[in-house]
N, C-alpha and C. Protein backbone atom coordinates (compact mmCIF):
# COMPACT_ATOMS: atom_id res chain seq x y z
N MET A 1 69.13 94.42 48.49
CA MET A 1 68.00 95.18 49.03
C MET A 1 67.03 95.56 47.97
N SER A 2 65.74 95.16 48.14
CA SER A 2 64.81 95.43 47.07
C SER A 2 64.26 96.86 47.26
N LYS A 3 63.99 97.56 46.18
CA LYS A 3 63.51 98.92 46.14
C LYS A 3 61.96 98.90 46.24
N THR A 4 61.51 99.70 47.12
CA THR A 4 60.01 99.86 47.20
C THR A 4 59.48 100.91 46.35
N ILE A 5 58.48 100.50 45.51
CA ILE A 5 57.94 101.53 44.57
C ILE A 5 56.66 102.17 45.26
N GLU A 6 56.85 103.50 45.17
CA GLU A 6 55.67 104.25 45.65
C GLU A 6 54.52 104.29 44.59
N ARG A 7 53.37 104.02 44.97
CA ARG A 7 52.36 103.98 43.96
C ARG A 7 51.00 104.36 44.61
N ASP A 8 50.07 104.85 43.70
CA ASP A 8 48.74 105.24 44.19
C ASP A 8 47.89 103.95 44.42
N LEU A 9 47.09 103.93 45.30
CA LEU A 9 46.20 102.73 45.54
C LEU A 9 45.29 102.64 44.36
N ILE A 10 44.90 101.48 44.09
CA ILE A 10 43.94 101.06 43.10
C ILE A 10 42.54 101.00 43.76
N SER A 11 41.55 101.76 43.24
CA SER A 11 40.25 101.74 43.73
C SER A 11 39.54 100.49 43.62
N GLU A 12 38.89 100.04 44.74
CA GLU A 12 38.12 98.77 44.72
C GLU A 12 36.91 99.00 43.77
N ASP A 13 36.47 100.19 43.55
CA ASP A 13 35.38 100.45 42.63
C ASP A 13 35.52 101.76 42.11
N PHE A 14 36.02 101.86 40.85
CA PHE A 14 36.26 103.14 40.21
C PHE A 14 35.06 104.06 40.12
N GLY A 15 33.85 103.42 40.29
CA GLY A 15 32.54 104.09 40.06
C GLY A 15 32.12 104.42 38.60
N SER A 16 33.09 104.33 37.64
CA SER A 16 32.70 104.51 36.23
C SER A 16 33.83 103.99 35.36
N ILE A 17 33.52 103.61 34.17
CA ILE A 17 34.54 103.27 33.23
C ILE A 17 35.58 104.47 32.99
N GLU A 18 35.02 105.71 32.85
CA GLU A 18 35.98 106.75 32.67
C GLU A 18 36.86 106.89 33.79
N ALA A 19 36.48 106.77 35.02
CA ALA A 19 37.40 106.86 36.16
C ALA A 19 38.55 105.85 36.07
N ALA A 20 38.17 104.53 35.69
CA ALA A 20 39.18 103.50 35.40
C ALA A 20 40.13 103.90 34.31
N VAL A 21 39.59 104.36 33.23
CA VAL A 21 40.42 104.78 32.07
C VAL A 21 41.37 105.84 32.52
N ASP A 22 40.77 106.93 33.21
CA ASP A 22 41.72 108.03 33.60
C ASP A 22 42.94 107.50 34.52
N PHE A 23 42.57 106.50 35.43
CA PHE A 23 43.60 105.90 36.38
C PHE A 23 44.67 105.22 35.47
N TRP A 24 44.24 104.31 34.61
CA TRP A 24 45.16 103.45 33.85
C TRP A 24 45.84 104.25 32.73
N ASP A 25 45.29 105.36 32.31
CA ASP A 25 45.98 106.23 31.34
C ASP A 25 47.21 106.85 31.97
N THR A 26 47.21 106.98 33.20
CA THR A 26 48.34 107.75 33.99
C THR A 26 49.09 106.75 34.92
N HIS A 27 48.80 105.54 34.87
CA HIS A 27 49.53 104.49 35.59
C HIS A 27 49.88 103.37 34.84
N SER A 28 51.04 102.68 35.14
CA SER A 28 51.53 101.55 34.42
C SER A 28 51.09 100.32 35.25
N VAL A 29 50.63 99.23 34.48
CA VAL A 29 50.35 98.02 35.08
C VAL A 29 51.43 97.34 35.59
N ALA A 30 52.62 97.58 35.00
CA ALA A 30 53.88 97.04 35.43
C ALA A 30 54.09 97.44 36.95
N ASP A 31 53.68 98.46 37.45
CA ASP A 31 53.87 98.90 38.88
C ASP A 31 52.94 98.15 39.69
N TYR A 32 51.95 97.49 39.25
CA TYR A 32 50.93 96.87 40.03
C TYR A 32 50.77 95.25 39.80
N TRP A 33 51.83 94.76 39.15
CA TRP A 33 51.83 93.36 38.71
C TRP A 33 51.65 92.47 39.81
N ASP A 34 52.17 92.81 40.95
CA ASP A 34 52.11 91.95 42.14
C ASP A 34 50.78 91.93 42.75
N LEU A 35 49.89 92.71 42.33
CA LEU A 35 48.50 92.77 42.83
C LEU A 35 47.45 92.15 41.89
N MET A 36 48.06 91.71 40.71
CA MET A 36 47.07 91.14 39.70
C MET A 36 46.79 89.69 40.07
N GLU A 37 45.56 89.26 39.56
CA GLU A 37 45.13 87.89 39.76
C GLU A 37 44.74 87.33 38.49
N ASP A 38 45.00 86.00 38.30
CA ASP A 38 44.69 85.30 37.07
C ASP A 38 43.10 85.08 37.09
N VAL A 39 42.60 85.19 35.87
CA VAL A 39 41.14 85.07 35.72
C VAL A 39 40.88 84.06 34.56
N GLU A 40 39.82 83.46 34.59
CA GLU A 40 39.35 82.59 33.46
C GLU A 40 38.30 83.20 32.75
N LEU A 41 38.34 83.39 31.43
CA LEU A 41 37.30 83.89 30.59
C LEU A 41 36.88 82.99 29.55
N GLU A 42 35.58 82.98 29.33
CA GLU A 42 34.96 82.24 28.22
C GLU A 42 34.13 83.12 27.25
N PHE A 43 34.37 82.91 25.95
CA PHE A 43 33.71 83.77 24.97
C PHE A 43 32.79 82.95 24.26
N ASP A 44 31.56 83.46 23.97
CA ASP A 44 30.59 82.68 23.14
C ASP A 44 30.48 83.62 21.90
N VAL A 45 31.24 83.35 20.88
CA VAL A 45 31.20 84.11 19.71
C VAL A 45 30.13 83.63 18.74
N LYS A 46 29.11 84.33 18.50
CA LYS A 46 28.06 84.18 17.74
C LYS A 46 28.20 84.59 16.29
N GLY A 47 29.09 85.31 15.91
CA GLY A 47 29.16 85.72 14.56
C GLY A 47 30.35 86.53 14.40
N HIS A 48 30.46 87.31 13.19
CA HIS A 48 31.49 88.12 12.97
C HIS A 48 30.95 89.36 12.23
N ILE A 49 31.74 90.41 12.16
CA ILE A 49 31.30 91.55 11.53
C ILE A 49 32.06 91.67 10.16
N SER A 50 31.42 91.99 9.04
CA SER A 50 32.05 92.18 7.84
C SER A 50 31.70 93.61 7.41
N LEU A 51 32.67 94.35 6.96
CA LEU A 51 32.51 95.64 6.54
C LEU A 51 32.28 95.69 5.03
N VAL A 52 31.26 96.34 4.61
CA VAL A 52 30.86 96.54 3.19
C VAL A 52 30.62 97.92 2.86
N GLN A 53 31.27 98.30 1.91
CA GLN A 53 31.21 99.76 1.39
C GLN A 53 29.89 99.99 0.72
N ILE A 54 29.31 101.21 1.04
CA ILE A 54 28.11 101.67 0.27
C ILE A 54 28.61 102.76 -0.65
N ARG A 55 28.09 102.55 -1.72
CA ARG A 55 28.40 103.59 -2.82
C ARG A 55 28.05 104.99 -2.36
N GLU A 56 28.91 105.98 -2.51
CA GLU A 56 28.91 107.21 -2.06
C GLU A 56 27.55 107.97 -2.58
N ASP A 57 27.20 107.58 -3.81
CA ASP A 57 26.03 108.29 -4.34
C ASP A 57 24.69 107.88 -3.73
N ILE A 58 24.72 106.56 -3.14
CA ILE A 58 23.49 106.23 -2.50
C ILE A 58 23.38 106.33 -0.94
N TYR A 59 24.57 106.55 -0.32
CA TYR A 59 24.73 106.61 1.09
C TYR A 59 23.66 107.67 1.65
N PRO A 60 23.69 108.85 1.17
CA PRO A 60 22.68 109.81 1.85
C PRO A 60 21.35 109.36 1.88
N GLN A 61 20.72 108.67 0.78
CA GLN A 61 19.47 108.16 0.87
C GLN A 61 19.27 107.09 1.75
N THR A 62 20.31 106.15 1.88
CA THR A 62 20.28 105.01 2.68
C THR A 62 20.21 105.44 4.16
N ARG A 63 21.02 106.46 4.55
CA ARG A 63 21.03 107.03 5.86
C ARG A 63 19.66 107.65 6.19
N ALA A 64 19.12 108.41 5.26
CA ALA A 64 17.73 109.11 5.53
C ALA A 64 16.79 107.97 5.74
N LEU A 65 16.67 106.91 4.93
CA LEU A 65 15.71 105.94 5.00
C LEU A 65 15.86 105.12 6.41
N ALA A 66 17.10 104.90 6.82
CA ALA A 66 17.41 104.24 8.01
C ALA A 66 16.89 105.12 9.26
N LYS A 67 17.20 106.38 9.09
CA LYS A 67 16.75 107.38 10.17
C LYS A 67 15.19 107.36 10.26
N ALA A 68 14.65 107.44 9.08
CA ALA A 68 13.10 107.44 9.00
C ALA A 68 12.53 106.24 9.68
N ASN A 69 13.22 105.06 9.62
CA ASN A 69 12.80 103.81 10.14
C ASN A 69 13.25 103.68 11.58
N ARG A 70 13.93 104.68 12.12
CA ARG A 70 14.49 104.65 13.43
C ARG A 70 15.44 103.50 13.60
N GLN A 71 16.39 103.34 12.68
CA GLN A 71 17.34 102.26 12.71
C GLN A 71 18.77 102.90 12.34
N SER A 72 19.74 102.20 12.92
CA SER A 72 21.10 102.58 12.36
C SER A 72 21.22 102.16 10.84
N VAL A 73 22.16 102.72 10.15
CA VAL A 73 22.41 102.32 8.78
C VAL A 73 22.66 100.85 8.71
N GLU A 74 23.43 100.33 9.63
CA GLU A 74 23.82 98.98 9.64
C GLU A 74 22.59 97.99 9.70
N GLU A 75 21.62 98.44 10.67
CA GLU A 75 20.49 97.60 10.68
C GLU A 75 19.55 97.66 9.56
N PHE A 76 19.46 98.90 8.87
CA PHE A 76 18.68 98.99 7.76
C PHE A 76 19.29 98.17 6.56
N VAL A 77 20.50 98.38 6.39
CA VAL A 77 21.18 97.67 5.32
C VAL A 77 21.11 96.14 5.39
N ASN A 78 21.24 95.68 6.69
CA ASN A 78 21.26 94.18 6.91
C ASN A 78 19.78 93.70 6.65
N GLN A 79 18.79 94.45 7.00
CA GLN A 79 17.40 94.05 6.69
C GLN A 79 17.10 93.90 5.20
N LEU A 80 17.67 94.89 4.38
CA LEU A 80 17.71 94.93 3.01
C LEU A 80 18.33 93.65 2.46
N ILE A 81 19.54 93.41 2.95
CA ILE A 81 20.28 92.16 2.39
C ILE A 81 19.46 90.88 2.72
N VAL A 82 19.01 90.80 3.88
CA VAL A 82 18.29 89.52 4.35
C VAL A 82 17.15 89.43 3.38
N ARG A 83 16.36 90.45 3.11
CA ARG A 83 15.07 90.39 2.23
C ARG A 83 15.57 89.88 0.86
N GLU A 84 16.62 90.50 0.41
CA GLU A 84 16.98 90.15 -0.97
C GLU A 84 17.55 88.73 -1.15
N VAL A 85 18.31 88.30 -0.16
CA VAL A 85 19.01 86.99 -0.16
C VAL A 85 18.01 85.91 -0.05
N GLU A 86 16.89 86.25 0.76
CA GLU A 86 15.80 85.22 0.99
C GLU A 86 15.07 85.00 -0.46
N LYS A 87 15.10 85.85 -1.28
CA LYS A 87 14.39 85.85 -2.55
C LYS A 87 15.20 84.84 -3.58
N LEU A 88 16.45 84.74 -3.35
CA LEU A 88 17.40 84.00 -4.27
C LEU A 88 17.23 82.51 -3.97
N PRO A 89 17.44 81.56 -5.01
CA PRO A 89 17.37 80.19 -4.78
C PRO A 89 18.65 79.69 -4.04
N ALA A 90 18.54 78.73 -3.18
CA ALA A 90 19.67 78.28 -2.39
C ALA A 90 20.76 77.70 -3.24
C-alpha cells in the first residue's frame, strides 16, 4: 500500500520571486517530484567575469570617481582598462 504525502499546493503564480523563495525555503522538491516537468534550456554565454583586486590605497578614489561618473566601480574600471589596452600595440 502506498503512503499518501500531505503537501501544500504549489501556486500557479507566486506573484514575486520572494514568494517563490519563501515557499521553497520551507518545502522540499522531493515531495513534489511527481509534479515536475522536463524542460529544455539554451544558454548564450557571451563572456565571463574575472575578478581583479584593486589596491586598497586607491579603492576609495576609484569608488568616488565611479560615483561621480554615475557608474559602478566595475563599469568605471572596465572603461579605464579598455582605454589603456587600446593604446598598447597588438
